[in-house]
Amino acid sequence: MTRRDPKKMNRPFECLGEMITDKGLPPGRRRPERPPRRSNSPPDPKEENRIFREAMSDVEPLPGPERAFNCNARTVVPPDSLSEDLQVLMQLEGLIQTGKGFVVADTSEYIEGSGYLAPPDITTRLHRGDFSIQEHIDLHGLTVVEAKEAFEVFMKKSIGAGKRAVLIIHGRGLSSPDRPVLKTKVYQWLTRRRWRKWVIAFTSARPCDGGAGASYILLRRRPLTKRQMKNKPAASPG
């Protein structure tokens, strides 16, 4: 077999090595220079500070008091900057969703009363919810006669079981032509001698427990004696 002369063979890539060198590439297509390798040594704080100050040399601060800026902080619009109508709508939304802003004690429907030897701040604490409610009864839909019977049974059972704080739901009586019937009756029953000797205090409930349509009652462990009982009337409703 006849060998071919290497000099006469077609070798199109023979000069490829020279073409890809910096000198062999045409102008404008030379290999880009590699960036200098980063040093593993920690940066010099003084040098970084110098670079930062140099970069910020032409920056002018905004007028006004100095304050810190928190990117994650939620922007709060001052109430004074809101219109009166918008403030009312925001308060109404909070009242509907959470009951915030509604205080039963500030309404004409609020009732309270305290017995003899009761601490002066007991009604405030009771209405505030400082005492855990241990029992409750709902008198809705009952006639006065039925409500009184249920009230008597409930009070006897609660006292016999040693309950201290109870809740009576009587309704607001908004459909009554004059004063709320059951609410007024519950007030009268609590202030009469039979149950008055057992009652330390009573107040309208908080919105979460029925508001003006219910009453908290704080009971004694032992009833007051005749000597202790005074003709001191309980506070009038409203």
C-alpha atoms as a PDB file:
ATOM      1  CA  MET A   1       0.000   0.000   0.000  1.00  0.00           C
ATOM      2  CA  THR A   2       1.334   3.369  -1.030  1.00  0.00           C
ATOM      3  CA  ARG A   3       1.723   5.880   1.748  1.00  0.00           C
ATOM      4  CA  ARG A   4       0.663   9.437   1.116  1.00  0.00           C
ATOM      5  CA  ASP A   5       3.048  12.264   1.544  1.00  0.00           C
ATOM      6  CA  PRO A   6       2.127  14.123   4.810  1.00  0.00           C
ATOM      7  CA  LYS A   7       3.062  17.404   3.184  1.00  0.00           C
ATOM      8  CA  LYS A   8       0.449  16.886   0.416  1.00  0.00           C
ATOM      9  CA  MET A   9      -2.441  15.971   2.818  1.00  0.00           C
ATOM     10  CA  ASN A  10      -5.249  18.479   3.465  1.00  0.00           C
ATOM     11  CA  ARG A  11      -4.893  19.767   7.029  1.00  0.00           C
ATOM     12  CA  PRO A  12      -7.466  22.586   7.532  1.00  0.00           C
ATOM     13  CA  PHE A  13      -6.950  22.803  11.342  1.00  0.00           C
ATOM     14  CA  GLU A  14      -3.225  22.757  11.303  1.00  0.00           C
ATOM     15  CA  CYS A  15      -2.954  26.482  12.060  1.00  0.00           C
ATOM     16  CA  LEU A  16      -5.814  26.506  14.529  1.00  0.00           C
ATOM     17  CA  GLY A  17      -3.474  26.673  17.508  1.00  0.00           C
ATOM     18  CA  GLU A  18      -1.877  29.811  16.205  1.00  0.00           C
ATOM     19  CA  MET A  19      -5.216  31.419  15.352  1.00  0.00           C
ATOM     20  CA  ILE A  20      -6.621  31.149  18.892  1.00  0.00           C
ATOM     21  CA  THR A  21      -3.619  32.777  20.477  1.00  0.00           C
ATOM     22  CA  ASP A  22      -3.821  36.471  21.421  1.00  0.00           C
ATOM     23  CA  LYS A  23      -1.543  37.398  18.548  1.00  0.00           C
ATOM     24  CA  GLY A  24      -3.335  35.251  16.039  1.00  0.00           C
ATOM     25  CA  LEU A  25      -6.892  36.630  16.699  1.00  0.00           C
ATOM     26  CA  PRO A  26      -8.060  39.515  14.534  1.00  0.00           C
ATOM     27  CA  PRO A  27      -8.381  42.945  16.182  1.00  0.00           C
ATOM     28  CA  GLY A  28     -11.385  43.274  18.468  1.00  0.00           C
ATOM     29  CA  ARG A  29     -11.700  39.530  19.069  1.00  0.00           C
ATOM     30  CA  ARG A  30      -8.861  38.942  21.435  1.00  0.00           C
ATOM     31  CA  ARG A  31      -9.367  36.786  24.476  1.00  0.00           C
ATOM     32  CA  PRO A  32     -10.697  38.853  27.385  1.00  0.00           C
ATOM     33  CA  GLU A  33      -8.416  39.224  30.289  1.00  0.00           C
ATOM     34  CA  ARG A  34      -9.286  37.185  33.331  1.00  0.00           C
ATOM     35  CA  PRO A  35     -10.324  39.163  36.393  1.00  0.00           C
ATOM     36  CA  PRO A  36      -7.847  39.066  39.210  1.00  0.00           C
ATOM     37  CA  ARG A  37      -8.432  36.351  41.722  1.00  0.00           C
ATOM     38  CA  ARG A  38     -10.086  37.422  44.941  1.00  0.00           C
ATOM     39  CA  SER A  39      -8.006  37.163  48.008  1.00  0.00           C
ATOM     40  CA  ASN A  40      -9.239  34.903  50.775  1.00  0.00           C
ATOM     41  CA  SER A  41      -8.034  37.348  53.382  1.00  0.00           C
ATOM     42  CA  PRO A  42     -10.772  39.395  55.139  1.00  0.00           C
ATOM     43  CA  PRO A  43     -11.362  42.914  53.773  1.00  0.00           C
ATOM     44  CA  ASP A  44      -9.765  45.816  55.536  1.00  0.00           C
ATOM     45  CA  PRO A  45     -12.469  47.757  57.427  1.00  0.00           C
ATOM     46  CA  LYS A  46     -10.546  51.014  57.076  1.00  0.00           C
ATOM     47  CA  GLU A  47     -10.273  50.567  53.334  1.00  0.00           C
ATOM     48  CA  GLU A  48     -13.988  49.739  53.027  1.00  0.00           C
ATOM     49  CA  ASN A  49     -14.861  52.777  55.116  1.00  0.00           C
ATOM     50  CA  ARG A  50     -12.689  54.955  52.890  1.00  0.00           C
ATOM     51  CA  ILE A  51     -14.345  53.615  49.733  1.00  0.00           C
ATOM     52  CA  PHE A  52     -17.806  54.135  51.188  1.00  0.00           C
ATOM     53  CA  ARG A  53     -17.087  57.709  52.226  1.00  0.00           C
ATOM     54  CA  GLU A  54     -15.622  58.451  48.842  1.00  0.00           C
ATOM     55  CA  ALA A  55     -18.719  57.072  47.105  1.00  0.00           C
ATOM     56  CA  MET A  56     -21.069  59.042  49.370  1.00  0.00           C
ATOM     57  CA  SER A  57     -19.132  62.281  49.342  1.00  0.00           C
ATOM     58  CA  ASP A  58     -21.612  64.099  47.080  1.00  0.00           C
ATOM     59  CA  VAL A  59     -24.783  62.832  48.822  1.00  0.00           C
ATOM     60  CA  GLU A  60     -26.780  65.439  50.727  1.00  0.00           C
ATOM     61  CA  PRO A  61     -29.033  64.348  53.642  1.00  0.00           C
ATOM     62  CA  LEU A  62     -32.759  65.131  53.519  1.00  0.00           C
ATOM     63  CA  PRO A  63     -33.945  67.960  55.752  1.00  0.00           C
ATOM     64  CA  GLY A  64     -35.703  67.065  59.011  1.00  0.00           C
ATOM     65  CA  PRO A  65     -34.936  65.205  62.233  1.00  0.00           C
ATOM     66  CA  GLU A  66     -32.687  62.184  62.115  1.00  0.00           C
ATOM     67  CA  ARG A  67     -34.516  58.887  62.300  1.00  0.00           C
ATOM     68  CA  ALA A  68     -33.805  55.228  61.713  1.00  0.00           C
ATOM     69  CA  PHE A  69     -35.523  53.537  58.781  1.00  0.00           C
ATOM     70  CA  ASN A  70     -36.808  50.002  59.095  1.00  0.00           C
ATOM     71  CA  CYS A  71     -37.679  48.312  55.790  1.00  0.00           C
ATOM     72  CA  ASN A  72     -39.865  45.747  57.548  1.00  0.00           C
ATOM     73  CA  ALA A  73     -41.767  48.228  59.666  1.00  0.00           C
ATOM     74  CA  ARG A  74     -45.437  48.720  58.840  1.00  0.00           C
ATOM     75  CA  THR A  75     -46.377  52.265  57.930  1.00  0.00           C
ATOM     76  CA  VAL A  76     -48.830  53.666  60.463  1.00  0.00           C
ATOM     77  CA  VAL A  77     -50.872  56.661  59.452  1.00  0.00           C
ATOM     78  CA  PRO A  78     -51.339  59.098  62.355  1.00  0.00           C
ATOM     79  CA  PRO A  79     -55.041  59.390  63.290  1.00  0.00           C
ATOM     80  CA  ASP A  80     -54.825  63.174  63.081  1.00  0.00           C
ATOM     81  CA  SER A  81     -53.986  62.948  59.385  1.00  0.00           C
ATOM     82  CA  LEU A  82     -57.126  60.924  58.581  1.00  0.00           C
ATOM     83  CA  SER A  83     -60.440  62.486  57.752  1.00  0.00           C
ATOM     84  CA  GLU A  84     -63.143  62.402  60.411  1.00  0.00           C
ATOM     85  CA  ASP A  85     -65.327  60.101  58.297  1.00  0.00           C
ATOM     86  CA  LEU A  86     -62.470  57.649  57.759  1.00  0.00           C
ATOM     87  CA  GLN A  87     -61.690  57.574  61.493  1.00  0.00           C
ATOM     88  CA  VAL A  88     -65.324  56.768  62.251  1.00  0.00           C
ATOM     89  CA  LEU A  89     -65.326  53.962  59.681  1.00  0.00           C
ATOM     90  CA  MET A  90     -62.132  52.474  61.141  1.00  0.00           C
ATOM     91  CA  GLN A  91     -63.567  52.592  64.665  1.00  0.00           C
ATOM     92  CA  LEU A  92     -66.799  51.011  63.464  1.00  0.00           C
ATOM     93  CA  GLU A  93     -64.865  48.216  61.723  1.00  0.00           C
ATOM     94  CA  GLY A  94     -62.931  47.497  64.932  1.00  0.00           C
ATOM     95  CA  LEU A  95     -66.175  47.525  66.926  1.00  0.00           C
ATOM     96  CA  ILE A  96     -67.851  45.019  64.584  1.00  0.00           C
ATOM     97  CA  GLN A  97     -64.876  42.656  64.262  1.00  0.00           C
ATOM     98  CA  THR A  98     -63.439  42.673  67.795  1.00  0.00           C
ATOM     99  CA  GLY A  99     -65.781  44.750  69.968  1.00  0.00           C
ATOM    100  CA  LYS A 100     -62.882  47.110  70.635  1.00  0.00           C
ATOM    101  CA  GLY A 101     -64.005  50.566  71.638  1.00  0.00           C
ATOM    102  CA  PHE A 102     -67.360  49.503  73.129  1.00  0.00           C
ATOM    103  CA  VAL A 103     -67.654  49.840  76.906  1.00  0.00           C
ATOM    104  CA  VAL A 104     -70.922  48.639  78.405  1.00  0.00           C
ATOM    105  CA  ALA A 105     -70.330  50.677  81.550  1.00  0.00           C
ATOM    106  CA  ASP A 106     -70.492  53.861  79.479  1.00  0.00           C
ATOM    107  CA  THR A 107     -74.023  53.161  78.253  1.00  0.00           C
ATOM    108  CA  SER A 108     -77.414  53.844  79.817  1.00  0.00           C
ATOM    109  CA  GLU A 109     -78.136  50.087  79.805  1.00  0.00           C
ATOM    110  CA  TYR A 110     -75.378  49.330  82.301  1.00  0.00           C
ATOM    111  CA  ILE A 111     -76.431  48.117  85.757  1.00  0.00           C
ATOM    112  CA  GLU A 112     -74.456  47.325  88.861  1.00  0.00           C
ATOM    113  CA  GLY A 113     -74.931  46.833  92.560  1.00  0.00           C
ATOM    114  CA  SER A 114     -72.910  45.878  95.629  1.00  0.00           C
ATOM    115  CA  GLY A 115     -73.835  44.436  98.994  1.00  0.00           C
ATOM    116  CA  TYR A 116     -72.789  45.434 102.463  1.00  0.00           C
ATOM    117  CA  LEU A 117     -69.108  44.942 103.405  1.00  0.00           C
ATOM    118  CA  ALA A 118     -68.201  44.666  99.733  1.00  0.00           C
ATOM    119  CA  PRO A 119     -64.817  46.114  98.650  1.00  0.00           C
ATOM    120  CA  PRO A 120     -65.175  49.534  96.993  1.00  0.00           C
ATOM    121  CA  ASP A 121     -63.700  48.391  93.667  1.00  0.00           C
ATOM    122  CA  ILE A 122     -65.510  45.064  93.473  1.00  0.00           C
ATOM    123  CA  THR A 123     -67.976  46.112  90.752  1.00  0.00           C
ATOM    124  CA  THR A 124     -65.133  47.423  88.589  1.00  0.00           C
ATOM    125  CA  ARG A 125     -63.223  44.176  88.948  1.00  0.00           C
ATOM    126  CA  LEU A 126     -66.316  42.070  88.328  1.00  0.00           C
ATOM    127  CA  HIS A 127     -67.257  43.932  85.149  1.00  0.00           C
ATOM    128  CA  ARG A 128     -63.629  43.842  83.993  1.00  0.00           C
ATOM    129  CA  GLY A 129     -63.664  40.050  84.022  1.00  0.00           C
ATOM    130  CA  ASP A 130     -61.317  39.388  86.948  1.00  0.00           C
ATOM    131  CA  PHE A 131     -63.485  36.489  88.144  1.00  0.00           C
ATOM    132  CA  SER A 132     -63.895  33.289  86.173  1.00  0.00           C
ATOM    133  CA  ILE A 133     -67.526  32.466  85.370  1.00  0.00           C
ATOM    134  CA  GLN A 134     -68.367  29.039  86.798  1.00  0.00           C
ATOM    135  CA  GLU A 135     -72.026  28.678  85.819  1.00  0.00           C
ATOM    136  CA  HIS A 136     -74.662  30.421  83.700  1.00  0.00           C
ATOM    137  CA  ILE A 137     -78.351  30.383  82.814  1.00  0.00           C
ATOM    138  CA  ASP A 138     -80.270  31.768  79.833  1.00  0.00           C
ATOM    139  CA  LEU A 139     -83.724  33.197  80.572  1.00  0.00           C
ATOM    140  CA  HIS A 140     -84.462  34.185  76.971  1.00  0.00           C
ATOM    141  CA  GLY A 141     -87.968  33.367  75.780  1.00  0.00           C
ATOM    142  CA  LEU A 142     -89.381  32.746  79.276  1.00  0.00           C
ATOM    143  CA  THR A 143     -92.291  34.525  80.856  1.00  0.00           C
ATOM    144  CA  VAL A 144     -91.731  36.426  84.102  1.00  0.00           C
ATOM    145  CA  VAL A 145     -93.198  33.541  86.129  1.00  0.00           C
ATOM    146  CA  GLU A 146     -91.070  30.934  84.318  1.00  0.00           C
ATOM    147  CA  ALA A 147     -87.966  33.132  84.563  1.00  0.00           C
ATOM    148  CA  LYS A 148     -88.398  33.633  88.312  1.00  0.00           C
ATOM    149  CA  GLU A 149     -88.757  29.895  88.901  1.00  0.00           C
ATOM    150  CA  ALA A 150     -85.660  29.167  86.790  1.00  0.00           C
ATOM    151  CA  PHE A 151     -83.780  31.977  88.565  1.00  0.00           C
ATOM    152  CA  GLU A 152     -84.614  30.570  92.010  1.00  0.00           C
ATOM    153  CA  VAL A 153     -83.505  27.051  91.049  1.00  0.00           C
ATOM    154  CA  PHE A 154     -80.313  28.353  89.453  1.00  0.00           C
ATOM    155  CA  MET A 155     -79.333  30.438  92.503  1.00  0.00           C
ATOM    156  CA  LYS A 156     -79.980  27.560  94.909  1.00  0.00           C
ATOM    157  CA  LYS A 157     -77.903  25.125  92.858  1.00  0.00           C
ATOM    158  CA  SER A 158     -75.066  27.610  92.364  1.00  0.00           C
ATOM    159  CA  ILE A 159     -74.852  28.443  96.077  1.00  0.00           C
ATOM    160  CA  GLY A 160     -75.173  24.770  97.068  1.00  0.00           C
ATOM    161  CA  ALA A 161     -72.329  23.855  94.698  1.00  0.00           C
ATOM    162  CA  GLY A 162     -70.089  26.611  96.065  1.00  0.00           C
ATOM    163  CA  LYS A 163     -70.027  28.640  92.862  1.00  0.00           C
ATOM    164  CA  ARG A 164     -68.641  32.143  93.291  1.00  0.00           C
ATOM    165  CA  ALA A 165     -69.106  33.884  89.935  1.00  0.00           C
ATOM    166  CA  VAL A 166     -72.118  33.145  87.724  1.00  0.00           C
ATOM    167  CA  LEU A 167     -73.727  34.669  84.634  1.00  0.00           C
ATOM    168  CA  ILE A 168     -77.429  35.304  84.036  1.00  0.00           C
ATOM    169  CA  ILE A 169     -78.507  36.030  80.456  1.00  0.00           C
ATOM    170  CA  HIS A 170     -81.746  38.035  80.525  1.00  0.00           C
ATOM    171  CA  GLY A 171     -81.609  39.991  77.269  1.00  0.00           C
ATOM    172  CA  ARG A 172     -81.639  43.711  76.677  1.00  0.00           C
ATOM    173  CA  GLY A 173     -85.405  43.957  76.341  1.00  0.00           C
ATOM    174  CA  LEU A 174     -85.265  46.083  73.201  1.00  0.00           C
ATOM    175  CA  SER A 175     -88.716  44.877  72.155  1.00  0.00           C
ATOM    176  CA  SER A 176     -90.310  45.993  75.436  1.00  0.00           C
ATOM    177  CA  PRO A 177     -92.443  49.131  75.106  1.00  0.00           C
ATOM    178  CA  ASP A 178     -91.072  50.607  78.347  1.00  0.00           C
ATOM    179  CA  ARG A 179     -88.233  49.168  80.439  1.00  0.00           C
ATOM    180  CA  PRO A 180     -86.735  45.713  79.736  1.00  0.00           C
ATOM    181  CA  VAL A 181     -88.920  43.284  81.642  1.00  0.00           C
ATOM    182  CA  LEU A 182     -86.632  40.356  82.496  1.00  0.00           C
ATOM    183  CA  LYS A 183     -83.602  42.573  83.041  1.00  0.00           C
ATOM    184  CA  THR A 184     -85.512  44.732  85.533  1.00  0.00           C
ATOM    185  CA  LYS A 185     -86.875  41.660  87.298  1.00  0.00           C
ATOM    186  CA  VAL A 186     -83.414  40.095  87.675  1.00  0.00           C
ATOM    187  CA  TYR A 187     -82.197  43.365  89.198  1.00  0.00           C
ATOM    188  CA  GLN A 188     -85.082  43.359  91.662  1.00  0.00           C
ATOM    189  CA  TRP A 189     -84.576  39.712  92.616  1.00  0.00           C
ATOM    190  CA  LEU A 190     -80.878  40.288  93.310  1.00  0.00           C
ATOM    191  CA  THR A 191     -81.510  43.300  95.559  1.00  0.00           C
ATOM    192  CA  ARG A 192     -84.203  41.742  97.736  1.00  0.00           C
ATOM    193  CA  ARG A 193     -83.351  40.362 101.149  1.00  0.00           C
ATOM    194  CA  ARG A 194     -83.609  36.681 100.205  1.00  0.00           C
ATOM    195  CA  TRP A 195     -80.756  36.811  97.699  1.00  0.00           C
ATOM    196  CA  ARG A 196     -79.155  40.069  98.700  1.00  0.00           C
ATOM    197  CA  LYS A 197     -77.495  38.389 101.680  1.00  0.00           C
ATOM    198  CA  TRP A 198     -75.728  36.038  99.261  1.00  0.00           C
ATOM    199  CA  VAL A 199     -74.693  38.642  96.676  1.00  0.00           C
ATOM    200  CA  ILE A 200     -71.424  40.506  97.006  1.00  0.00           C
ATOM    201  CA  ALA A 201     -71.900  42.432  93.770  1.00  0.00           C
ATOM    202  CA  PHE A 202     -73.430  42.286  90.303  1.00  0.00           C
ATOM    203  CA  THR A 203     -72.741  44.169  87.073  1.00  0.00           C
ATOM    204  CA  SER A 204     -73.616  44.101  83.404  1.00  0.00           C
ATOM    205  CA  ALA A 205     -71.430  41.680  81.485  1.00  0.00           C
ATOM    206  CA  ARG A 206     -68.712  42.466  78.963  1.00  0.00           C
ATOM    207  CA  PRO A 207     -69.576  42.340  75.239  1.00  0.00           C
ATOM    208  CA  CYS A 208     -67.995  38.887  74.894  1.00  0.00           C
ATOM    209  CA  ASP A 209     -70.448  37.510  77.504  1.00  0.00           C
ATOM    210  CA  GLY A 210     -73.602  39.272  76.363  1.00  0.00           C
ATOM    211  CA  GLY A 211     -72.972  42.906  77.251  1.00  0.00           C
ATOM    212  CA  ALA A 212     -75.986  44.748  78.638  1.00  0.00           C
ATOM    213  CA  GLY A 213     -78.111  41.682  77.923  1.00  0.00           C
ATOM    214  CA  ALA A 214     -76.450  39.667  80.698  1.00  0.00           C
ATOM    215  CA  SER A 215     -75.209  40.172  84.257  1.00  0.00           C
ATOM    216  CA  TYR A 216     -72.298  38.885  86.295  1.00  0.00           C
ATOM    217  CA  ILE A 217     -73.075  37.906  89.892  1.00  0.00           C
ATOM    218  CA  LEU A 218     -70.445  37.395  92.585  1.00  0.00           C
ATOM    219  CA  LEU A 219     -71.720  35.178  95.420  1.00  0.00           C
ATOM    220  CA  ARG A 220     -70.610  34.844  99.037  1.00  0.00           C
ATOM    221  CA  ARG A 221     -69.445  31.657 100.669  1.00  0.00           C
ATOM    222  CA  ARG A 222     -71.751  32.367 103.605  1.00  0.00           C
ATOM    223  CA  PRO A 223     -74.759  34.660 103.778  1.00  0.00           C
ATOM    224  CA  LEU A 224     -74.721  37.870 105.793  1.00  0.00           C
ATOM    225  CA  THR A 225     -76.328  37.672 109.238  1.00  0.00           C
ATOM    226  CA  LYS A 226     -79.210  39.877 110.311  1.00  0.00           C
ATOM    227  CA  ARG A 227     -76.785  41.979 112.338  1.00  0.00           C
ATOM    228  CA  GLN A 228     -74.617  42.505 109.305  1.00  0.00           C
ATOM    229  CA  MET A 229     -77.513  43.287 107.025  1.00  0.00           C
ATOM    230  CA  LYS A 230     -78.118  46.963 106.634  1.00  0.00           C
ATOM    231  CA  ASN A 231     -80.837  48.785 104.817  1.00  0.00           C
ATOM    232  CA  LYS A 232     -78.361  49.997 102.267  1.00  0.00           C
ATOM    233  CA  PRO A 233     -79.979  49.925  98.828  1.00  0.00           C
ATOM    234  CA  ALA A 234     -77.944  48.607  95.936  1.00  0.00           C
ATOM    235  CA  ALA A 235     -76.994  50.946  93.133  1.00  0.00           C
ATOM    236  CA  SER A 236     -79.816  51.721  90.746  1.00  0.00           C
ATOM    237  CA  PRO A 237     -79.633  50.560  87.137  1.00  0.00           C
ATOM    238  CA  GLY A 238     -78.246  52.873  84.508  1.00  0.00           C
END
